Amino acid sequence: MKKVLCILTVILLTSFTIQLKTHEGVYEYKADKFYESIELGKDFNFKYEYHFHSLSYSLEGDYSIKGDSLILDSNPQRDKIIVREYKKGNKNNVRFCVTDKLGTPINYTLYAINKENDTITLSNQWHKSKLKNKELESFYIIDSKGLKTPLYNIEGEKTNYFEVQMETVRVLDNEVWKIKDNSILPKGMNSKNQNYFLNKR
């Protein structure tokens, strides 16, 4: 029985190693003034690059593979959003003060969701936003690059002032991309699947 278990373990480990080696390499997509790539290296490390007109950035981190899912985590990891809640000022208004992690004001669109599950959208905002108190339950923000924060659930019952610090550099936190043969279906900054594949070189 022990011999059978040892053989099965060796087979599983060999299969897992072969699967990882099969997926190692560079996957990329090129179009006019657009380039995106991810390199899956040894020791479960990845390097990611994104270039579109004047927007350009790169990430590094760790990955794992489960079935047809590629799971990505940035390294170092950062909070996508930090929120401080207060109760102050006119109780009939809800105010937001939005900056990046260094305290610099940013352009953004605010999506506030009330108890009736209606979404109130404030577009083209700069630094500060104000709306009538609609008994909000949650909100999220998309910056001018299209980077989206996670949904933030409001904790205080009578909170009406929010200091928001948004991470304006993309962060991958247990983000799942699909693998299909020698291609990877990436997710965009809005966490949605893209309409193209990164193909293995």
N, C-alpha and C. Protein backbone atom coordinates (compact mmCIF):
# COMPACT_ATOMS: atom_id res chain seq x y z
N MET A 1 0.84 -1.22 0.00
CA MET A 1 0.00 0.00 0.00
C MET A 1 0.87 1.26 0.00
N LYS A 2 1.93 1.24 0.84
CA LYS A 2 2.82 2.40 0.91
C LYS A 2 3.52 2.62 -0.43
N LYS A 3 3.88 1.51 -1.08
CA LYS A 3 4.55 1.60 -2.37
C LYS A 3 3.64 2.25 -3.42
N VAL A 4 2.35 1.88 -3.39
CA VAL A 4 1.37 2.44 -4.32
C VAL A 4 1.21 3.94 -4.09
N LEU A 5 1.12 4.34 -2.80
CA LEU A 5 0.99 5.76 -2.46
C LEU A 5 2.21 6.55 -2.92
N CYS A 6 3.39 5.97 -2.75
CA CYS A 6 4.62 6.65 -3.18
C CYS A 6 4.62 6.84 -4.70
N ILE A 7 4.20 5.81 -5.42
CA ILE A 7 4.17 5.89 -6.89
C ILE A 7 3.18 6.96 -7.34
N LEU A 8 1.98 6.99 -6.72
CA LEU A 8 0.97 7.99 -7.06
C LEU A 8 1.46 9.41 -6.78
N THR A 9 2.15 9.57 -5.64
CA THR A 9 2.70 10.88 -5.29
C THR A 9 3.72 11.35 -6.31
N VAL A 10 4.60 10.45 -6.71
CA VAL A 10 5.62 10.78 -7.72
C VAL A 10 4.97 11.17 -9.04
N ILE A 11 3.93 10.42 -9.44
CA ILE A 11 3.22 10.71 -10.70
C ILE A 11 2.57 12.09 -10.64
N LEU A 12 1.91 12.40 -9.51
CA LEU A 12 1.25 13.71 -9.36
C LEU A 12 2.26 14.85 -9.39
N LEU A 13 3.37 14.69 -8.67
CA LEU A 13 4.39 15.74 -8.64
C LEU A 13 5.02 15.94 -10.01
N THR A 14 5.26 14.85 -10.71
CA THR A 14 5.83 14.93 -12.06
C THR A 14 4.88 15.65 -13.00
N SER A 15 3.58 15.30 -12.91
CA SER A 15 2.57 15.91 -13.75
C SER A 15 2.47 17.41 -13.48
N PHE A 16 2.54 17.78 -12.19
CA PHE A 16 2.45 19.20 -11.79
C PHE A 16 3.66 19.96 -12.33
N THR A 17 4.86 19.37 -12.21
CA THR A 17 6.08 20.01 -12.69
C THR A 17 6.04 20.20 -14.20
N ILE A 18 5.58 19.18 -14.93
CA ILE A 18 5.48 19.27 -16.39
C ILE A 18 4.50 20.38 -16.78
N GLN A 19 3.37 20.45 -16.05
CA GLN A 19 2.37 21.48 -16.35
C GLN A 19 2.96 22.88 -16.18
N LEU A 20 3.72 23.09 -15.09
CA LEU A 20 4.33 24.39 -14.86
C LEU A 20 5.35 24.73 -15.94
N LYS A 21 6.19 23.76 -16.29
CA LYS A 21 7.19 24.00 -17.32
C LYS A 21 6.54 24.30 -18.66
N THR A 22 5.41 23.65 -18.93
CA THR A 22 4.68 23.89 -20.17
C THR A 22 4.23 25.34 -20.25
N HIS A 23 3.86 25.93 -19.12
CA HIS A 23 3.33 27.30 -19.12
C HIS A 23 4.40 28.37 -18.96
N GLU A 24 5.61 27.99 -18.61
CA GLU A 24 6.69 28.98 -18.49
C GLU A 24 6.96 29.64 -19.84
N GLY A 25 7.27 30.94 -19.81
CA GLY A 25 7.58 31.64 -21.05
C GLY A 25 6.94 33.02 -21.10
N VAL A 26 7.05 33.69 -22.25
CA VAL A 26 6.52 35.03 -22.45
C VAL A 26 5.26 34.98 -23.30
N TYR A 27 4.21 35.64 -22.82
CA TYR A 27 2.94 35.76 -23.54
C TYR A 27 2.74 37.24 -23.85
N GLU A 28 2.35 37.55 -25.09
CA GLU A 28 2.26 38.96 -25.44
C GLU A 28 1.16 39.22 -26.48
N TYR A 29 0.79 40.51 -26.52
CA TYR A 29 -0.16 41.00 -27.53
C TYR A 29 0.32 42.36 -28.01
N LYS A 30 0.38 42.52 -29.34
CA LYS A 30 0.83 43.78 -29.92
C LYS A 30 -0.24 44.31 -30.85
N ALA A 31 -0.47 45.61 -30.79
CA ALA A 31 -1.36 46.30 -31.72
C ALA A 31 -0.79 47.70 -31.90
N ASP A 32 -1.44 48.54 -32.67
CA ASP A 32 -0.96 49.89 -32.92
C ASP A 32 -0.82 50.68 -31.62
N LYS A 33 0.42 51.04 -31.27
CA LYS A 33 0.73 51.81 -30.06
C LYS A 33 0.28 51.12 -28.77
N PHE A 34 0.14 49.81 -28.84
CA PHE A 34 -0.29 49.04 -27.66
C PHE A 34 0.56 47.78 -27.54
N TYR A 35 1.01 47.52 -26.32
CA TYR A 35 1.78 46.30 -26.07
C TYR A 35 1.50 45.83 -24.64
N GLU A 36 1.24 44.54 -24.51
CA GLU A 36 1.01 43.95 -23.18
C GLU A 36 1.68 42.59 -23.16
N SER A 37 2.36 42.29 -22.07
CA SER A 37 3.02 40.98 -21.98
C SER A 37 3.11 40.53 -20.53
N ILE A 38 3.21 39.22 -20.37
CA ILE A 38 3.50 38.64 -19.06
C ILE A 38 4.48 37.49 -19.25
N GLU A 39 5.50 37.49 -18.43
CA GLU A 39 6.49 36.42 -18.47
C GLU A 39 6.33 35.56 -17.22
N LEU A 40 6.01 34.29 -17.43
CA LEU A 40 5.91 33.34 -16.33
C LEU A 40 7.25 32.63 -16.20
N GLY A 41 7.94 32.92 -15.11
CA GLY A 41 9.27 32.36 -14.93
C GLY A 41 9.31 31.19 -13.98
N LYS A 42 10.51 30.74 -13.72
CA LYS A 42 10.71 29.66 -12.76
C LYS A 42 10.44 30.20 -11.35
N ASP A 43 10.29 29.29 -10.43
CA ASP A 43 10.07 29.67 -9.01
C ASP A 43 8.81 30.50 -8.82
N PHE A 44 7.84 30.35 -9.75
CA PHE A 44 6.52 30.98 -9.61
C PHE A 44 6.58 32.50 -9.59
N ASN A 45 7.53 33.11 -10.29
CA ASN A 45 7.63 34.56 -10.41
C ASN A 45 7.12 35.02 -11.78
N PHE A 46 6.51 36.21 -11.83
CA PHE A 46 6.11 36.76 -13.12
C PHE A 46 6.55 38.21 -13.26
N LYS A 47 6.67 38.64 -14.53
CA LYS A 47 6.93 40.03 -14.87
C LYS A 47 5.87 40.45 -15.87
N TYR A 48 5.24 41.59 -15.62
CA TYR A 48 4.14 42.06 -16.46
C TYR A 48 4.45 43.45 -16.99
N GLU A 49 4.14 43.70 -18.26
CA GLU A 49 4.35 45.02 -18.86
C GLU A 49 3.11 45.46 -19.62
N TYR A 50 2.85 46.78 -19.57
CA TYR A 50 1.70 47.36 -20.25
C TYR A 50 2.12 48.72 -20.82
N HIS A 51 1.89 48.90 -22.13
CA HIS A 51 2.23 50.17 -22.78
C HIS A 51 1.09 50.56 -23.71
N PHE A 52 0.55 51.75 -23.50
CA PHE A 52 -0.51 52.26 -24.38
C PHE A 52 -0.39 53.78 -24.45
N HIS A 53 0.03 54.28 -25.61
CA HIS A 53 0.31 55.71 -25.79
C HIS A 53 1.26 56.19 -24.68
N SER A 54 0.85 57.14 -23.87
CA SER A 54 1.74 57.68 -22.83
C SER A 54 1.66 56.89 -21.52
N LEU A 55 0.72 55.96 -21.43
CA LEU A 55 0.57 55.17 -20.21
C LEU A 55 1.47 53.94 -20.30
N SER A 56 2.34 53.79 -19.32
CA SER A 56 3.28 52.68 -19.32
C SER A 56 3.60 52.27 -17.89
N TYR A 57 3.53 50.98 -17.61
CA TYR A 57 3.91 50.52 -16.28
C TYR A 57 4.29 49.04 -16.33
N SER A 58 4.96 48.60 -15.29
CA SER A 58 5.34 47.19 -15.17
C SER A 58 5.12 46.72 -13.74
N LEU A 59 4.91 45.42 -13.60
CA LEU A 59 4.67 44.81 -12.30
C LEU A 59 5.48 43.53 -12.19
N GLU A 60 5.76 43.16 -10.97
CA GLU A 60 6.35 41.85 -10.70
C GLU A 60 5.55 41.21 -9.58
N GLY A 61 5.65 39.90 -9.48
CA GLY A 61 4.94 39.23 -8.41
C GLY A 61 5.06 37.73 -8.49
N ASP A 62 4.13 37.06 -7.86
CA ASP A 62 4.12 35.61 -7.76
C ASP A 62 2.86 35.06 -8.43
N TYR A 63 2.99 33.85 -8.97
CA TYR A 63 1.83 33.24 -9.60
C TYR A 63 1.70 31.77 -9.20
N SER A 64 0.50 31.26 -9.38
CA SER A 64 0.24 29.82 -9.24
C SER A 64 -0.75 29.44 -10.33
N ILE A 65 -0.82 28.15 -10.61
CA ILE A 65 -1.73 27.65 -11.65
C ILE A 65 -2.60 26.55 -11.05
N LYS A 66 -3.90 26.73 -11.23
CA LYS A 66 -4.86 25.71 -10.79
C LYS A 66 -5.78 25.41 -11.96
N GLY A 67 -5.60 24.24 -12.55
CA GLY A 67 -6.41 23.89 -13.72
C GLY A 67 -6.13 24.85 -14.86
N ASP A 68 -7.18 25.56 -15.31
CA ASP A 68 -7.01 26.53 -16.40
C ASP A 68 -6.95 27.96 -15.87
N SER A 69 -6.65 28.12 -14.57
CA SER A 69 -6.61 29.44 -13.95
C SER A 69 -5.19 29.83 -13.57
N LEU A 70 -4.79 31.02 -13.99
CA LEU A 70 -3.52 31.61 -13.60
C LEU A 70 -3.83 32.65 -12.52
N ILE A 71 -3.27 32.45 -11.33
CA ILE A 71 -3.57 33.31 -10.19
C ILE A 71 -2.36 34.21 -9.91
N LEU A 72 -2.58 35.53 -9.95
CA LEU A 72 -1.50 36.51 -9.88
C LEU A 72 -1.58 37.37 -8.62
N ASP A 73 -0.43 37.58 -7.99
CA ASP A 73 -0.32 38.46 -6.83
C ASP A 73 0.90 39.36 -7.00
N SER A 74 0.66 40.69 -6.94
CA SER A 74 1.78 41.63 -7.02
C SER A 74 2.70 41.46 -5.82
N ASN A 75 3.96 41.80 -6.02
CA ASN A 75 4.92 41.78 -4.94
C ASN A 75 5.87 42.96 -5.14
N PRO A 76 5.86 43.97 -4.24
CA PRO A 76 5.15 44.00 -2.96
C PRO A 76 3.65 44.27 -3.13
N GLN A 77 2.88 43.79 -2.18
CA GLN A 77 1.43 43.96 -2.22
C GLN A 77 1.07 45.30 -1.56
N ARG A 78 0.04 45.95 -2.12
CA ARG A 78 -0.39 47.25 -1.58
C ARG A 78 -1.90 47.27 -1.47
N ASP A 79 -2.42 48.07 -0.52
CA ASP A 79 -3.87 48.27 -0.42
C ASP A 79 -4.35 49.05 -1.63
N LYS A 80 -5.43 48.59 -2.26
CA LYS A 80 -5.97 49.30 -3.41
C LYS A 80 -6.69 50.58 -2.99
N ILE A 81 -7.23 50.57 -1.79
CA ILE A 81 -7.95 51.75 -1.30
C ILE A 81 -7.86 51.80 0.23
N ILE A 82 -7.68 53.01 0.76
CA ILE A 82 -7.71 53.24 2.21
C ILE A 82 -8.77 54.30 2.46
N VAL A 83 -9.71 54.01 3.35
CA VAL A 83 -10.82 54.93 3.61
C VAL A 83 -10.89 55.24 5.10
N ARG A 84 -11.01 56.53 5.41
CA ARG A 84 -11.27 56.96 6.78
C ARG A 84 -12.63 57.62 6.81
N GLU A 85 -13.48 57.16 7.72
CA GLU A 85 -14.86 57.66 7.80
C GLU A 85 -15.00 58.64 8.97
N TYR A 86 -15.79 59.70 8.72
CA TYR A 86 -16.05 60.69 9.76
C TYR A 86 -17.52 61.10 9.72
N LYS A 87 -17.96 61.64 10.83
CA LYS A 87 -19.28 62.27 10.89
C LYS A 87 -19.02 63.75 11.20
N LYS A 88 -19.20 64.60 10.17
CA LYS A 88 -18.97 66.02 10.39
C LYS A 88 -19.66 66.85 9.31
N GLY A 89 -19.89 68.12 9.63
CA GLY A 89 -20.53 69.01 8.68
C GLY A 89 -22.03 68.76 8.58
N ASN A 90 -22.61 69.24 7.51
CA ASN A 90 -24.05 69.15 7.26
C ASN A 90 -24.47 67.68 7.10
N LYS A 91 -25.36 67.23 7.97
CA LYS A 91 -25.76 65.82 7.93
C LYS A 91 -26.58 65.49 6.68
N ASN A 92 -27.05 66.48 5.96
CA ASN A 92 -27.83 66.24 4.74
C ASN A 92 -26.94 66.04 3.51
N ASN A 93 -25.64 66.23 3.68
CA ASN A 93 -24.71 66.04 2.57
C ASN A 93 -23.72 64.93 2.89
N VAL A 94 -23.26 64.25 1.83
CA VAL A 94 -22.18 63.28 1.95
C VAL A 94 -21.03 63.81 1.11
N ARG A 95 -19.83 63.86 1.70
CA ARG A 95 -18.68 64.42 0.99
C ARG A 95 -17.54 63.41 0.91
N PHE A 96 -16.81 63.51 -0.18
CA PHE A 96 -15.66 62.63 -0.41
C PHE A 96 -14.45 63.50 -0.74
N CYS A 97 -13.31 63.14 -0.19
CA CYS A 97 -12.04 63.78 -0.50
C CYS A 97 -11.11 62.68 -1.00
N VAL A 98 -10.75 62.72 -2.29
CA VAL A 98 -10.05 61.62 -2.93
C VAL A 98 -8.66 62.05 -3.39
N THR A 99 -7.64 61.29 -2.96
CA THR A 99 -6.26 61.55 -3.37
C THR A 99 -5.58 60.22 -3.70
N ASP A 100 -4.34 60.32 -4.21
CA ASP A 100 -3.54 59.11 -4.34
C ASP A 100 -2.87 58.84 -2.99
N LYS A 101 -2.00 57.85 -2.93
CA LYS A 101 -1.39 57.46 -1.66
C LYS A 101 -0.45 58.53 -1.10
N LEU A 102 0.00 59.45 -1.98
CA LEU A 102 0.89 60.53 -1.53
C LEU A 102 0.14 61.78 -1.14
N GLY A 103 -1.21 61.73 -1.25
CA GLY A 103 -2.03 62.88 -0.87
C GLY A 103 -2.28 63.87 -2.00
N THR A 104 -1.92 63.48 -3.23
CA THR A 104 -2.14 64.36 -4.39
C THR A 104 -3.54 64.16 -4.94
N PRO A 105 -4.31 65.23 -5.16
CA PRO A 105 -5.66 65.10 -5.72
C PRO A 105 -5.63 64.43 -7.09
N ILE A 106 -6.69 63.68 -7.42
CA ILE A 106 -6.76 62.98 -8.70
C ILE A 106 -8.11 63.20 -9.37
N ASN A 107 -8.15 62.94 -10.68
CA ASN A 107 -9.40 62.90 -11.43
C ASN A 107 -10.02 61.52 -11.27
N TYR A 108 -11.34 61.45 -11.13
CA TYR A 108 -11.99 60.16 -10.91
C TYR A 108 -13.48 60.26 -11.19
N THR A 109 -14.10 59.10 -11.27
CA THR A 109 -15.56 58.99 -11.31
C THR A 109 -15.99 58.20 -10.07
N LEU A 110 -16.96 58.73 -9.36
CA LEU A 110 -17.45 58.11 -8.13
C LEU A 110 -18.76 57.38 -8.40
N TYR A 111 -18.84 56.14 -7.93
CA TYR A 111 -20.07 55.34 -8.03
C TYR A 111 -20.53 55.02 -6.61
N ALA A 112 -21.60 55.69 -6.18
CA ALA A 112 -22.13 55.51 -4.82
C ALA A 112 -23.43 54.70 -4.89
N ILE A 113 -23.55 53.71 -4.03
CA ILE A 113 -24.70 52.80 -4.07
C ILE A 113 -25.50 52.95 -2.78
N ASN A 114 -26.81 53.18 -2.93
CA ASN A 114 -27.65 53.40 -1.74
C ASN A 114 -28.36 52.11 -1.32
N LYS A 115 -29.22 52.23 -0.29
CA LYS A 115 -29.88 51.05 0.28
C LYS A 115 -30.86 50.40 -0.68
N GLU A 116 -31.33 51.18 -1.65
CA GLU A 116 -32.25 50.62 -2.67
C GLU A 116 -31.48 49.98 -3.82
N ASN A 117 -30.15 49.92 -3.67
CA ASN A 117 -29.26 49.35 -4.68
C ASN A 117 -29.20 50.18 -5.96
N ASP A 118 -29.56 51.46 -5.85
CA ASP A 118 -29.41 52.39 -6.97
C ASP A 118 -27.99 52.95 -6.95
N THR A 119 -27.41 53.12 -8.13
CA THR A 119 -26.06 53.66 -8.23
C THR A 119 -26.10 55.12 -8.68
N ILE A 120 -25.50 55.98 -7.88
CA ILE A 120 -25.39 57.40 -8.20
C ILE A 120 -24.00 57.63 -8.77
N THR A 121 -23.92 58.18 -9.97
CA THR A 121 -22.63 58.36 -10.65
C THR A 121 -22.27 59.84 -10.72
N LEU A 122 -21.09 60.17 -10.22
CA LEU A 122 -20.54 61.52 -10.33
C LEU A 122 -19.30 61.44 -11.20
N SER A 123 -19.42 61.93 -12.45
CA SER A 123 -18.32 61.82 -13.41
C SER A 123 -17.39 63.03 -13.35
N ASN A 124 -16.19 62.83 -13.87
CA ASN A 124 -15.19 63.91 -14.01
C ASN A 124 -15.01 64.72 -12.73
N GLN A 125 -14.78 64.01 -11.65
CA GLN A 125 -14.56 64.66 -10.36
C GLN A 125 -13.08 64.96 -10.16
N TRP A 126 -12.82 66.00 -9.37
CA TRP A 126 -11.44 66.37 -9.04
C TRP A 126 -11.34 66.63 -7.54
N HIS A 127 -10.63 65.76 -6.85
CA HIS A 127 -10.31 65.92 -5.43
C HIS A 127 -11.51 65.76 -4.50
N LYS A 128 -12.55 66.59 -4.69
CA LYS A 128 -13.67 66.55 -3.75
C LYS A 128 -15.01 66.38 -4.47
N SER A 129 -15.90 65.63 -3.81
CA SER A 129 -17.25 65.41 -4.35
C SER A 129 -18.26 65.58 -3.23
N LYS A 130 -19.45 66.01 -3.63
CA LYS A 130 -20.53 66.17 -2.64
C LYS A 130 -21.84 65.73 -3.27
N LEU A 131 -22.65 65.04 -2.48
CA LEU A 131 -24.01 64.68 -2.93
C LEU A 131 -24.95 64.68 -1.74
N LYS A 132 -26.23 64.73 -2.04
CA LYS A 132 -27.23 64.71 -0.98
C LYS A 132 -27.23 63.34 -0.32
N ASN A 133 -27.47 63.34 0.98
CA ASN A 133 -27.45 62.08 1.72
C ASN A 133 -28.57 61.16 1.24
N LYS A 134 -28.18 60.07 0.61
CA LYS A 134 -29.13 59.09 0.07
C LYS A 134 -29.03 57.76 0.80
N GLU A 135 -28.58 57.80 2.06
CA GLU A 135 -28.38 56.58 2.84
C GLU A 135 -27.53 55.59 2.07
N LEU A 136 -26.30 56.00 1.83
CA LEU A 136 -25.38 55.18 1.05
C LEU A 136 -24.92 53.96 1.83
N GLU A 137 -24.68 52.88 1.09
CA GLU A 137 -24.19 51.64 1.70
C GLU A 137 -22.78 51.31 1.25
N SER A 138 -22.41 51.72 0.04
CA SER A 138 -21.09 51.37 -0.48
C SER A 138 -20.73 52.31 -1.63
N PHE A 139 -19.48 52.23 -2.06
CA PHE A 139 -19.04 53.01 -3.21
C PHE A 139 -17.77 52.41 -3.78
N TYR A 140 -17.48 52.77 -5.02
CA TYR A 140 -16.19 52.47 -5.61
C TYR A 140 -15.80 53.61 -6.53
N ILE A 141 -14.53 53.65 -6.92
CA ILE A 141 -13.99 54.75 -7.69
C ILE A 141 -13.22 54.21 -8.89
N ILE A 142 -13.34 54.89 -10.02
CA ILE A 142 -12.53 54.58 -11.19
C ILE A 142 -11.76 55.84 -11.56
N ASP A 143 -10.43 55.73 -11.63
CA ASP A 143 -9.65 56.93 -11.94
C ASP A 143 -9.60 57.17 -13.45
N SER A 144 -8.92 58.24 -13.86
CA SER A 144 -8.93 58.64 -15.27
C SER A 144 -8.21 57.65 -16.17
N LYS A 145 -7.40 56.73 -15.59
CA LYS A 145 -6.73 55.70 -16.38
C LYS A 145 -7.61 54.47 -16.56
N GLY A 146 -8.74 54.43 -15.83
CA GLY A 146 -9.61 53.26 -15.88
C GLY A 146 -9.37 52.27 -14.75
N LEU A 147 -8.49 52.64 -13.80
CA LEU A 147 -8.19 51.77 -12.67
C LEU A 147 -9.33 51.82 -11.66
N LYS A 148 -9.81 50.65 -11.27
CA LYS A 148 -11.00 50.55 -10.42
C LYS A 148 -10.64 50.05 -9.03
N THR A 149 -11.21 50.69 -8.00
CA THR A 149 -11.02 50.21 -6.63
C THR A 149 -12.00 49.06 -6.35
N PRO A 150 -11.72 48.26 -5.32
CA PRO A 150 -12.74 47.30 -4.88
C PRO A 150 -13.95 48.07 -4.32
N LEU A 151 -15.07 47.40 -4.24
CA LEU A 151 -16.26 47.99 -3.61
C LEU A 151 -15.98 48.19 -2.13
N TYR A 152 -16.19 49.41 -1.64
CA TYR A 152 -16.00 49.70 -0.22
C TYR A 152 -17.35 49.78 0.47
N ASN A 153 -17.56 48.93 1.47
CA ASN A 153 -18.80 48.92 2.25
C ASN A 153 -18.67 49.87 3.44
N ILE A 154 -19.57 50.83 3.51
CA ILE A 154 -19.52 51.85 4.56
C ILE A 154 -19.81 51.21 5.91
N GLU A 155 -18.96 51.53 6.89
CA GLU A 155 -19.06 50.90 8.21
C GLU A 155 -19.95 51.68 9.17
N GLY A 156 -19.79 53.00 9.23
CA GLY A 156 -20.55 53.81 10.18
C GLY A 156 -21.98 54.06 9.73
N GLU A 157 -22.91 54.06 10.66
CA GLU A 157 -24.32 54.27 10.32
C GLU A 157 -24.61 55.71 9.93
N LYS A 158 -23.88 56.66 10.52
CA LYS A 158 -24.15 58.08 10.23
C LYS A 158 -22.94 58.78 9.64
N THR A 159 -22.04 58.00 9.06
CA THR A 159 -20.87 58.58 8.41
C THR A 159 -21.30 59.44 7.23
N ASN A 160 -20.72 60.63 7.11
CA ASN A 160 -21.06 61.48 5.96
C ASN A 160 -19.84 62.18 5.35
N TYR A 161 -18.62 61.78 5.79
CA TYR A 161 -17.41 62.36 5.23
C TYR A 161 -16.37 61.24 5.08
N PHE A 162 -15.81 61.14 3.87
CA PHE A 162 -14.88 60.05 3.58
C PHE A 162 -13.57 60.60 3.02
N GLU A 163 -12.49 60.30 3.71
CA GLU A 163 -11.16 60.57 3.16
C GLU A 163 -10.68 59.29 2.48
N VAL A 164 -10.48 59.38 1.18
CA VAL A 164 -10.16 58.20 0.38
C VAL A 164 -8.76 58.36 -0.21
N GLN A 165 -7.91 57.36 0.02
CA GLN A 165 -6.62 57.29 -0.64
C GLN A 165 -6.64 56.10 -1.59
N MET A 166 -6.44 56.38 -2.87
CA MET A 166 -6.52 55.34 -3.89
C MET A 166 -5.12 54.99 -4.40
N GLU A 167 -4.87 53.70 -4.53
CA GLU A 167 -3.61 53.26 -5.15
C GLU A 167 -3.74 53.45 -6.65
N THR A 168 -2.96 54.35 -7.23
CA THR A 168 -3.08 54.66 -8.65
C THR A 168 -2.12 53.84 -9.52
N VAL A 169 -1.40 52.91 -8.89
CA VAL A 169 -0.60 51.93 -9.62
C VAL A 169 -1.34 50.60 -9.53
N ARG A 170 -1.41 49.89 -10.63
CA ARG A 170 -2.19 48.65 -10.65
C ARG A 170 -1.65 47.64 -9.65
N VAL A 171 -2.56 46.99 -8.94
CA VAL A 171 -2.23 45.95 -7.97
C VAL A 171 -2.99 44.69 -8.34
N LEU A 172 -2.29 43.56 -8.39
CA LEU A 172 -2.92 42.27 -8.64
C LEU A 172 -3.00 41.52 -7.32
N ASP A 173 -4.20 41.23 -6.90
CA ASP A 173 -4.43 40.59 -5.60
C ASP A 173 -5.33 39.38 -5.82
N ASN A 174 -4.70 38.19 -5.91
CA ASN A 174 -5.44 36.96 -6.21
C ASN A 174 -6.28 37.12 -7.47
N GLU A 175 -5.73 37.82 -8.46
CA GLU A 175 -6.46 38.04 -9.71
C GLU A 175 -6.33 36.80 -10.59
N VAL A 176 -7.46 36.35 -11.13
CA VAL A 176 -7.49 35.11 -11.89
C VAL A 176 -7.63 35.40 -13.37
N TRP A 177 -6.64 34.96 -14.16
CA TRP A 177 -6.68 35.03 -15.61
C TRP A 177 -6.81 33.61 -16.14
N LYS A 178 -7.50 33.45 -17.25
CA LYS A 178 -7.73 32.12 -17.81
C LYS A 178 -6.61 31.74 -18.79
N ILE A 179 -6.22 30.47 -18.72
CA ILE A 179 -5.23 29.92 -19.65
C ILE A 179 -5.95 29.01 -20.64
N LYS A 180 -5.64 29.18 -21.91
CA LYS A 180 -6.23 28.32 -22.94
C LYS A 180 -5.13 27.95 -23.93
N ASP A 181 -4.75 26.67 -23.92
CA ASP A 181 -3.66 26.19 -24.77
C ASP A 181 -2.41 27.04 -24.53
N ASN A 182 -1.91 27.72 -25.57
CA ASN A 182 -0.72 28.56 -25.42
C ASN A 182 -1.07 30.04 -25.37
N SER A 183 -2.22 30.35 -24.80
CA SER A 183 -2.69 31.73 -24.69
C SER A 183 -3.23 32.02 -23.31
N ILE A 184 -3.21 33.30 -22.94
CA ILE A 184 -3.75 33.74 -21.65
C ILE A 184 -4.74 34.87 -21.91
N LEU A 185 -5.91 34.78 -21.30
CA LEU A 185 -6.92 35.84 -21.40
C LEU A 185 -6.71 36.81 -20.24
N PRO A 186 -6.20 38.02 -20.52
CA PRO A 186 -5.90 38.96 -19.43
C PRO A 186 -7.14 39.71 -18.95
N LYS A 187 -7.01 40.28 -17.75
CA LYS A 187 -8.03 41.19 -17.24
C LYS A 187 -7.48 42.61 -17.31
N GLY A 188 -8.38 43.56 -17.57
CA GLY A 188 -7.97 44.96 -17.64
C GLY A 188 -7.94 45.60 -16.27
N MET A 189 -7.67 46.91 -16.25
CA MET A 189 -7.60 47.64 -14.99
C MET A 189 -8.96 47.72 -14.30
N ASN A 190 -10.04 47.47 -15.07
CA ASN A 190 -11.38 47.45 -14.49
C ASN A 190 -11.78 46.06 -14.00
N SER A 191 -10.81 45.13 -13.99
CA SER A 191 -11.00 43.74 -13.52
C SER A 191 -11.88 42.91 -14.45
N LYS A 192 -12.12 43.38 -15.66
CA LYS A 192 -12.94 42.63 -16.62
C LYS A 192 -12.05 41.94 -17.65
N ASN A 193 -12.53 40.77 -18.13
CA ASN A 193 -11.80 40.06 -19.17
C ASN A 193 -11.68 40.94 -20.42
N GLN A 194 -10.51 40.89 -21.06
CA GLN A 194 -10.30 41.66 -22.28
C GLN A 194 -10.79 40.86 -23.49
N ASN A 195 -10.85 41.51 -24.66
CA ASN A 195 -11.35 40.84 -25.86
C ASN A 195 -10.21 40.36 -26.75
N TYR A 196 -9.06 40.10 -26.16
CA TYR A 196 -7.91 39.58 -26.90
C TYR A 196 -7.12 38.64 -25.97
N PHE A 197 -6.22 37.87 -26.56
CA PHE A 197 -5.39 36.94 -25.80
C PHE A 197 -3.93 37.35 -25.88
N LEU A 198 -3.19 37.05 -24.82
CA LEU A 198 -1.73 37.13 -24.86
C LEU A 198 -1.23 35.77 -25.35
N ASN A 199 -0.54 35.77 -26.47
CA ASN A 199 -0.11 34.51 -27.08
C ASN A 199 1.36 34.22 -26.77
N LYS A 200 1.66 32.96 -26.55
CA LYS A 200 3.02 32.56 -26.20
C LYS A 200 3.95 32.72 -27.39
N ARG A 201 5.12 33.27 -27.13
CA ARG A 201 6.12 33.45 -28.21
C ARG A 201 6.57 32.10 -28.76
